[in-house]
Structures are given as structure tokens and as C-alpha cells.
Amino acid sequence: MAIFVAICAAFLVLVIALVVDAGGRLRVAERTDAYAQEAARVGGQQLDEAAVLRGEGYRVKEQYVKDAADSYLALYHLKAAAVAFSPDGTAVTVTVEADYKPALLGELGKQKVTGKGSATLVHGVEKAETD
């Protein structure tokens, strides 16, 4: 009977560790998505003013977007893994990678967590856009 209790107790501790570490990973994934979304928003504000003045329309300046996204992410000790642009230069997508080290499982559950966020440059908004 004592062996059965010991095995059950060890299994219970393992299950609790898995649940706690899975919850921690979900928190890191959510946070990474939020950072990527905010970095894309910050980057999406980097307007190519010269193109606007030349009458070429509204678009972002790619190098400024990358610099702005990295500056924002540096506040959280992160860096953009990738910054992508739409062909017309009006949408920005930022991908961020963060390390997750589990609290209870240690090196067994260590992994990279990827977050992705995007922003679209809009101007002259007069009403809400509905889907």
C-alpha cells in the first residue's frame, strides 16, 4: 500500500508541475503576442513623409519601422525576429521570439515562444470599419 501511495504522490506532483508550467507558457505566449502587436502598431506609425509629399500615397518607411519596433521591444529585452511589409507598404507584421523556462520542470520544458502582431496604416478614418 505504501508503494502505491508513493507512486500516486509522485504522479500527482508531476501533473501539478505540468499544469503550472503549461499555464506559465500560455502567459508568455500571450505576452509575446501583445508585445508583437504593440511593436507593429509603433512601427506602423513611421510614415514615409517624402512619398506623401511626392504624391505617391501613404506608406511606411521600412527602415524606420524596423528601428521603431526594435526600440519598443528593447524595453522588454526582446528583439524582432522578423518584420514583414505588405507589397503596397501599408501593413506591417512583426514576429517576436521569447524564451520560456518552466518554473518546475526546468530544462525539460525549455522552449521558444513566438508571437505575431500586425498593424495597417489608415488615414482619414471617418467611421468604424465592420467585418
N, C-alpha and C. Protein backbone atom coordinates (compact mmCIF):
# COMPACT_ATOMS: atom_id res chain seq x y z
N MET A 1 0.82 -1.20 0.00
CA MET A 1 0.00 0.00 0.00
C MET A 1 0.86 1.26 0.00
N ALA A 2 1.97 1.23 0.74
CA ALA A 2 2.84 2.41 0.82
C ALA A 2 3.47 2.71 -0.54
N ILE A 3 3.81 1.68 -1.29
CA ILE A 3 4.40 1.90 -2.62
C ILE A 3 3.38 2.54 -3.55
N PHE A 4 2.14 2.09 -3.47
CA PHE A 4 1.07 2.66 -4.28
C PHE A 4 0.89 4.15 -3.98
N VAL A 5 0.88 4.51 -2.70
CA VAL A 5 0.73 5.91 -2.29
C VAL A 5 1.92 6.74 -2.79
N ALA A 6 3.12 6.19 -2.69
CA ALA A 6 4.31 6.91 -3.15
C ALA A 6 4.26 7.15 -4.66
N ILE A 7 3.84 6.14 -5.41
CA ILE A 7 3.74 6.29 -6.87
C ILE A 7 2.66 7.31 -7.22
N CYS A 8 1.53 7.24 -6.56
CA CYS A 8 0.45 8.20 -6.81
C CYS A 8 0.87 9.62 -6.45
N ALA A 9 1.58 9.79 -5.35
CA ALA A 9 2.05 11.12 -4.93
C ALA A 9 3.04 11.68 -5.95
N ALA A 10 3.95 10.85 -6.43
CA ALA A 10 4.92 11.30 -7.44
C ALA A 10 4.21 11.70 -8.73
N PHE A 11 3.23 10.90 -9.14
CA PHE A 11 2.46 11.21 -10.33
C PHE A 11 1.68 12.51 -10.16
N LEU A 12 1.11 12.72 -9.00
CA LEU A 12 0.35 13.94 -8.71
C LEU A 12 1.26 15.17 -8.77
N VAL A 13 2.46 15.07 -8.23
CA VAL A 13 3.42 16.18 -8.28
C VAL A 13 3.78 16.48 -9.74
N LEU A 14 3.99 15.45 -10.54
CA LEU A 14 4.31 15.63 -11.95
C LEU A 14 3.17 16.31 -12.70
N VAL A 15 1.95 15.91 -12.44
CA VAL A 15 0.78 16.52 -13.09
C VAL A 15 0.66 17.99 -12.69
N ILE A 16 0.86 18.29 -11.42
CA ILE A 16 0.80 19.68 -10.95
C ILE A 16 1.89 20.50 -11.63
N ALA A 17 3.09 19.95 -11.75
CA ALA A 17 4.19 20.66 -12.42
C ALA A 17 3.85 20.94 -13.87
N LEU A 18 3.26 19.97 -14.55
CA LEU A 18 2.87 20.17 -15.95
C LEU A 18 1.81 21.26 -16.09
N VAL A 19 0.84 21.27 -15.20
CA VAL A 19 -0.22 22.27 -15.25
C VAL A 19 0.34 23.67 -14.98
N VAL A 20 1.18 23.80 -13.97
CA VAL A 20 1.77 25.11 -13.64
C VAL A 20 2.63 25.61 -14.79
N ASP A 21 3.47 24.74 -15.34
CA ASP A 21 4.35 25.17 -16.42
C ASP A 21 3.60 25.45 -17.72
N ALA A 22 2.53 24.70 -17.99
CA ALA A 22 1.72 24.98 -19.17
C ALA A 22 1.03 26.34 -19.03
N GLY A 23 0.55 26.65 -17.83
CA GLY A 23 -0.04 27.97 -17.59
C GLY A 23 0.97 29.08 -17.76
N GLY A 24 2.19 28.85 -17.30
CA GLY A 24 3.25 29.84 -17.48
C GLY A 24 3.58 30.06 -18.95
N ARG A 25 3.59 28.98 -19.71
CA ARG A 25 3.88 29.10 -21.14
C ARG A 25 2.77 29.88 -21.84
N LEU A 26 1.53 29.65 -21.46
CA LEU A 26 0.42 30.40 -22.04
C LEU A 26 0.53 31.89 -21.73
N ARG A 27 0.95 32.21 -20.51
CA ARG A 27 1.15 33.62 -20.14
C ARG A 27 2.24 34.25 -21.00
N VAL A 28 3.35 33.54 -21.19
CA VAL A 28 4.44 34.06 -22.01
C VAL A 28 3.98 34.22 -23.46
N ALA A 29 3.21 33.26 -23.98
CA ALA A 29 2.71 33.35 -25.35
C ALA A 29 1.79 34.56 -25.51
N GLU A 30 0.92 34.77 -24.54
CA GLU A 30 0.01 35.92 -24.60
C GLU A 30 0.80 37.23 -24.55
N ARG A 31 1.75 37.30 -23.66
CA ARG A 31 2.57 38.50 -23.52
C ARG A 31 3.39 38.76 -24.79
N THR A 32 3.94 37.71 -25.37
CA THR A 32 4.72 37.86 -26.59
C THR A 32 3.85 38.36 -27.74
N ASP A 33 2.63 37.84 -27.86
CA ASP A 33 1.70 38.35 -28.87
C ASP A 33 1.39 39.83 -28.64
N ALA A 34 1.19 40.21 -27.39
CA ALA A 34 0.88 41.61 -27.08
C ALA A 34 2.06 42.51 -27.43
N TYR A 35 3.28 42.09 -27.11
CA TYR A 35 4.46 42.88 -27.46
C TYR A 35 4.61 43.01 -28.97
N ALA A 36 4.37 41.93 -29.69
CA ALA A 36 4.48 41.96 -31.15
C ALA A 36 3.42 42.88 -31.75
N GLN A 37 2.21 42.82 -31.22
CA GLN A 37 1.13 43.69 -31.70
C GLN A 37 1.47 45.16 -31.46
N GLU A 38 1.95 45.45 -30.28
CA GLU A 38 2.30 46.84 -29.95
C GLU A 38 3.49 47.32 -30.78
N ALA A 39 4.47 46.45 -31.01
CA ALA A 39 5.62 46.82 -31.84
C ALA A 39 5.18 47.10 -33.27
N ALA A 40 4.22 46.32 -33.78
CA ALA A 40 3.69 46.57 -35.11
C ALA A 40 2.95 47.90 -35.15
N ARG A 41 2.21 48.20 -34.09
CA ARG A 41 1.50 49.49 -34.04
C ARG A 41 2.47 50.65 -34.04
N VAL A 42 3.51 50.55 -33.22
CA VAL A 42 4.53 51.60 -33.16
C VAL A 42 5.21 51.74 -34.52
N GLY A 43 5.55 50.60 -35.13
CA GLY A 43 6.19 50.63 -36.44
C GLY A 43 5.27 51.19 -37.51
N GLY A 44 3.99 50.89 -37.41
CA GLY A 44 3.04 51.37 -38.40
C GLY A 44 2.84 52.87 -38.39
N GLN A 45 3.34 53.54 -37.39
CA GLN A 45 3.24 55.00 -37.32
C GLN A 45 4.40 55.70 -38.01
N GLN A 46 5.34 54.93 -38.54
CA GLN A 46 6.53 55.52 -39.16
C GLN A 46 6.24 55.80 -40.64
N LEU A 47 5.60 56.90 -40.89
CA LEU A 47 5.14 57.27 -42.22
C LEU A 47 6.31 57.72 -43.10
N ASP A 48 6.28 57.32 -44.35
CA ASP A 48 7.25 57.79 -45.34
C ASP A 48 6.77 59.15 -45.84
N GLU A 49 7.23 60.19 -45.17
CA GLU A 49 6.74 61.54 -45.46
C GLU A 49 7.13 62.00 -46.86
N ALA A 50 8.30 61.61 -47.33
CA ALA A 50 8.73 62.01 -48.67
C ALA A 50 7.79 61.46 -49.74
N ALA A 51 7.33 60.23 -49.57
CA ALA A 51 6.39 59.63 -50.53
C ALA A 51 5.06 60.38 -50.52
N VAL A 52 4.62 60.79 -49.35
CA VAL A 52 3.37 61.55 -49.26
C VAL A 52 3.53 62.89 -49.98
N LEU A 53 4.65 63.56 -49.75
CA LEU A 53 4.87 64.87 -50.38
C LEU A 53 5.02 64.75 -51.90
N ARG A 54 5.52 63.63 -52.38
CA ARG A 54 5.65 63.41 -53.83
C ARG A 54 4.32 62.96 -54.44
N GLY A 55 3.31 62.76 -53.62
CA GLY A 55 2.01 62.33 -54.11
C GLY A 55 1.93 60.85 -54.42
N GLU A 56 2.80 60.05 -53.80
CA GLU A 56 2.83 58.61 -54.05
C GLU A 56 1.96 57.83 -53.08
N GLY A 57 1.22 58.51 -52.25
CA GLY A 57 0.33 57.83 -51.32
C GLY A 57 0.94 57.61 -49.95
N TYR A 58 0.14 57.03 -49.10
CA TYR A 58 0.55 56.77 -47.72
C TYR A 58 1.17 55.39 -47.61
N ARG A 59 2.34 55.33 -47.05
CA ARG A 59 3.01 54.06 -46.77
C ARG A 59 4.05 54.29 -45.69
N VAL A 60 4.54 53.19 -45.14
CA VAL A 60 5.54 53.30 -44.07
C VAL A 60 6.94 53.25 -44.67
N LYS A 61 7.89 53.80 -43.92
CA LYS A 61 9.30 53.74 -44.31
C LYS A 61 9.90 52.53 -43.60
N GLU A 62 10.32 51.53 -44.36
CA GLU A 62 10.67 50.22 -43.81
C GLU A 62 11.76 50.26 -42.75
N GLN A 63 12.84 50.99 -42.99
CA GLN A 63 13.93 51.01 -42.01
C GLN A 63 13.47 51.67 -40.71
N TYR A 64 12.67 52.71 -40.82
CA TYR A 64 12.15 53.37 -39.61
C TYR A 64 11.24 52.43 -38.83
N VAL A 65 10.46 51.63 -39.55
CA VAL A 65 9.58 50.66 -38.89
C VAL A 65 10.40 49.66 -38.10
N LYS A 66 11.44 49.11 -38.71
CA LYS A 66 12.29 48.13 -38.03
C LYS A 66 12.95 48.75 -36.80
N ASP A 67 13.46 49.97 -36.95
CA ASP A 67 14.11 50.64 -35.82
C ASP A 67 13.12 50.91 -34.69
N ALA A 68 11.92 51.38 -35.05
CA ALA A 68 10.91 51.69 -34.03
C ALA A 68 10.45 50.42 -33.31
N ALA A 69 10.24 49.35 -34.06
CA ALA A 69 9.81 48.08 -33.45
C ALA A 69 10.89 47.56 -32.50
N ASP A 70 12.15 47.59 -32.94
CA ASP A 70 13.24 47.12 -32.08
C ASP A 70 13.40 48.01 -30.85
N SER A 71 13.21 49.31 -31.00
CA SER A 71 13.31 50.22 -29.85
C SER A 71 12.23 49.91 -28.83
N TYR A 72 11.01 49.68 -29.31
CA TYR A 72 9.93 49.33 -28.39
C TYR A 72 10.21 48.01 -27.69
N LEU A 73 10.60 47.00 -28.45
CA LEU A 73 10.84 45.68 -27.88
C LEU A 73 12.04 45.66 -26.95
N ALA A 74 13.00 46.55 -27.16
CA ALA A 74 14.18 46.62 -26.29
C ALA A 74 13.78 46.97 -24.85
N LEU A 75 12.67 47.66 -24.69
CA LEU A 75 12.19 47.97 -23.34
C LEU A 75 11.90 46.70 -22.55
N TYR A 76 11.59 45.62 -23.25
CA TYR A 76 11.24 44.35 -22.62
C TYR A 76 12.31 43.28 -22.86
N HIS A 77 13.49 43.74 -23.27
CA HIS A 77 14.63 42.85 -23.53
C HIS A 77 14.32 41.83 -24.62
N LEU A 78 13.60 42.27 -25.64
CA LEU A 78 13.25 41.42 -26.78
C LEU A 78 13.75 42.08 -28.06
N LYS A 79 13.75 41.33 -29.13
CA LYS A 79 14.12 41.84 -30.44
C LYS A 79 13.19 41.21 -31.47
N ALA A 80 12.87 41.96 -32.51
CA ALA A 80 12.00 41.43 -33.56
C ALA A 80 12.73 40.33 -34.32
N ALA A 81 12.11 39.17 -34.40
CA ALA A 81 12.69 38.06 -35.17
C ALA A 81 12.51 38.33 -36.66
N ALA A 82 11.40 38.98 -37.01
CA ALA A 82 11.13 39.32 -38.41
C ALA A 82 10.16 40.49 -38.47
N VAL A 83 10.35 41.33 -39.47
CA VAL A 83 9.41 42.42 -39.75
C VAL A 83 9.06 42.30 -41.23
N ALA A 84 7.78 42.12 -41.53
CA ALA A 84 7.33 41.96 -42.91
C ALA A 84 6.40 43.11 -43.28
N PHE A 85 6.36 43.40 -44.57
CA PHE A 85 5.55 44.51 -45.07
C PHE A 85 4.66 44.02 -46.20
N SER A 86 3.51 44.65 -46.34
CA SER A 86 2.64 44.35 -47.48
C SER A 86 3.29 44.95 -48.73
N PRO A 87 2.94 44.46 -49.91
CA PRO A 87 3.55 44.99 -51.14
C PRO A 87 3.35 46.49 -51.33
N ASP A 88 2.21 47.01 -50.87
CA ASP A 88 1.97 48.44 -51.03
C ASP A 88 2.50 49.28 -49.86
N GLY A 89 3.11 48.64 -48.87
CA GLY A 89 3.72 49.36 -47.76
C GLY A 89 2.75 49.93 -46.74
N THR A 90 1.53 49.42 -46.71
CA THR A 90 0.55 49.95 -45.76
C THR A 90 0.26 49.02 -44.59
N ALA A 91 0.86 47.85 -44.57
CA ALA A 91 0.66 46.91 -43.46
C ALA A 91 2.01 46.38 -42.98
N VAL A 92 2.11 46.24 -41.67
CA VAL A 92 3.35 45.78 -41.03
C VAL A 92 3.02 44.56 -40.18
N THR A 93 3.86 43.54 -40.25
CA THR A 93 3.72 42.36 -39.40
C THR A 93 5.03 42.14 -38.67
N VAL A 94 4.96 42.07 -37.35
CA VAL A 94 6.16 41.88 -36.52
C VAL A 94 6.06 40.51 -35.84
N THR A 95 7.16 39.76 -35.91
CA THR A 95 7.25 38.47 -35.24
C THR A 95 8.31 38.57 -34.16
N VAL A 96 7.95 38.12 -32.96
CA VAL A 96 8.84 38.20 -31.80
C VAL A 96 9.02 36.80 -31.23
N GLU A 97 10.25 36.47 -30.86
CA GLU A 97 10.52 35.20 -30.20
C GLU A 97 11.02 35.47 -28.79
N ALA A 98 10.51 34.70 -27.85
CA ALA A 98 10.93 34.82 -26.45
C ALA A 98 11.23 33.42 -25.92
N ASP A 99 12.14 33.35 -24.98
CA ASP A 99 12.46 32.07 -24.35
C ASP A 99 11.52 31.84 -23.18
N TYR A 100 11.10 30.60 -23.01
CA TYR A 100 10.31 30.24 -21.84
C TYR A 100 11.03 29.14 -21.10
N LYS A 101 11.35 29.41 -19.85
CA LYS A 101 11.97 28.40 -18.99
C LYS A 101 10.96 28.04 -17.92
N PRO A 102 10.51 26.81 -17.91
CA PRO A 102 9.49 26.38 -16.95
C PRO A 102 9.95 26.54 -15.50
N ALA A 103 9.00 26.84 -14.64
CA ALA A 103 9.31 27.03 -13.22
C ALA A 103 9.62 25.72 -12.51
N LEU A 104 8.91 24.66 -12.85
CA LEU A 104 9.06 23.40 -12.12
C LEU A 104 9.79 22.31 -12.89
N LEU A 105 9.66 22.30 -14.20
CA LEU A 105 10.29 21.24 -14.98
C LEU A 105 11.71 21.58 -15.43
N GLY A 106 12.13 22.81 -15.20
CA GLY A 106 13.50 23.20 -15.53
C GLY A 106 13.82 23.07 -17.00
N GLU A 107 14.96 22.47 -17.31
CA GLU A 107 15.42 22.35 -18.68
C GLU A 107 14.58 21.40 -19.53
N LEU A 108 13.77 20.58 -18.91
CA LEU A 108 12.96 19.62 -19.67
C LEU A 108 11.95 20.31 -20.58
N GLY A 109 11.40 21.41 -20.13
CA GLY A 109 10.35 22.07 -20.91
C GLY A 109 10.78 23.37 -21.54
N LYS A 110 12.07 23.67 -21.56
CA LYS A 110 12.55 24.94 -22.11
C LYS A 110 12.25 25.00 -23.61
N GLN A 111 11.71 26.15 -24.04
CA GLN A 111 11.35 26.28 -25.44
C GLN A 111 11.22 27.73 -25.85
N LYS A 112 11.16 27.95 -27.16
CA LYS A 112 10.94 29.28 -27.71
C LYS A 112 9.44 29.49 -27.89
N VAL A 113 9.01 30.70 -27.62
CA VAL A 113 7.61 31.07 -27.81
C VAL A 113 7.59 32.18 -28.85
N THR A 114 6.74 32.06 -29.85
CA THR A 114 6.67 33.04 -30.93
C THR A 114 5.36 33.81 -30.85
N GLY A 115 5.47 35.13 -30.99
CA GLY A 115 4.30 35.98 -31.02
C GLY A 115 4.29 36.77 -32.32
N LYS A 116 3.10 37.06 -32.82
CA LYS A 116 2.99 37.77 -34.09
C LYS A 116 1.91 38.83 -33.96
N GLY A 117 2.21 40.01 -34.48
CA GLY A 117 1.24 41.09 -34.47
C GLY A 117 1.32 41.88 -35.75
N SER A 118 0.22 42.49 -36.14
CA SER A 118 0.22 43.28 -37.37
C SER A 118 -0.57 44.56 -37.17
N ALA A 119 -0.24 45.52 -38.01
CA ALA A 119 -0.93 46.81 -37.98
C ALA A 119 -1.05 47.30 -39.41
N THR A 120 -2.13 48.00 -39.68
CA THR A 120 -2.38 48.54 -41.02
C THR A 120 -2.45 50.06 -40.93
N LEU A 121 -1.76 50.70 -41.83
CA LEU A 121 -1.75 52.16 -41.89
C LEU A 121 -3.08 52.64 -42.47
N VAL A 122 -3.78 53.47 -41.73
CA VAL A 122 -5.04 54.04 -42.22
C VAL A 122 -4.97 55.55 -42.06
N HIS A 123 -5.71 56.25 -42.89
CA HIS A 123 -5.76 57.70 -42.79
C HIS A 123 -7.18 58.16 -43.14
N GLY A 124 -7.57 59.25 -42.59
CA GLY A 124 -8.88 59.81 -42.90
C GLY A 124 -10.03 58.92 -42.46
N VAL A 125 -9.91 58.27 -41.32
CA VAL A 125 -10.98 57.40 -40.84
C VAL A 125 -12.14 58.26 -40.36
N GLU A 126 -13.32 57.99 -40.91
CA GLU A 126 -14.50 58.75 -40.53
C GLU A 126 -15.50 57.93 -39.74
N LYS A 127 -15.44 56.60 -39.91
CA LYS A 127 -16.35 55.74 -39.17
C LYS A 127 -15.66 54.41 -38.92
N ALA A 128 -16.21 53.64 -38.02
CA ALA A 128 -15.62 52.35 -37.67
C ALA A 128 -15.76 51.37 -38.83
N GLU A 129 -14.73 50.55 -38.99
CA GLU A 129 -14.76 49.52 -40.02
C GLU A 129 -15.37 48.27 -39.42
N THR A 130 -16.36 47.70 -40.10
CA THR A 130 -17.01 46.50 -39.58
C THR A 130 -16.73 45.33 -40.51
N ASP A 131 -16.71 44.15 -39.91
CA ASP A 131 -16.45 42.94 -40.71
C ASP A 131 -17.73 42.33 -41.20
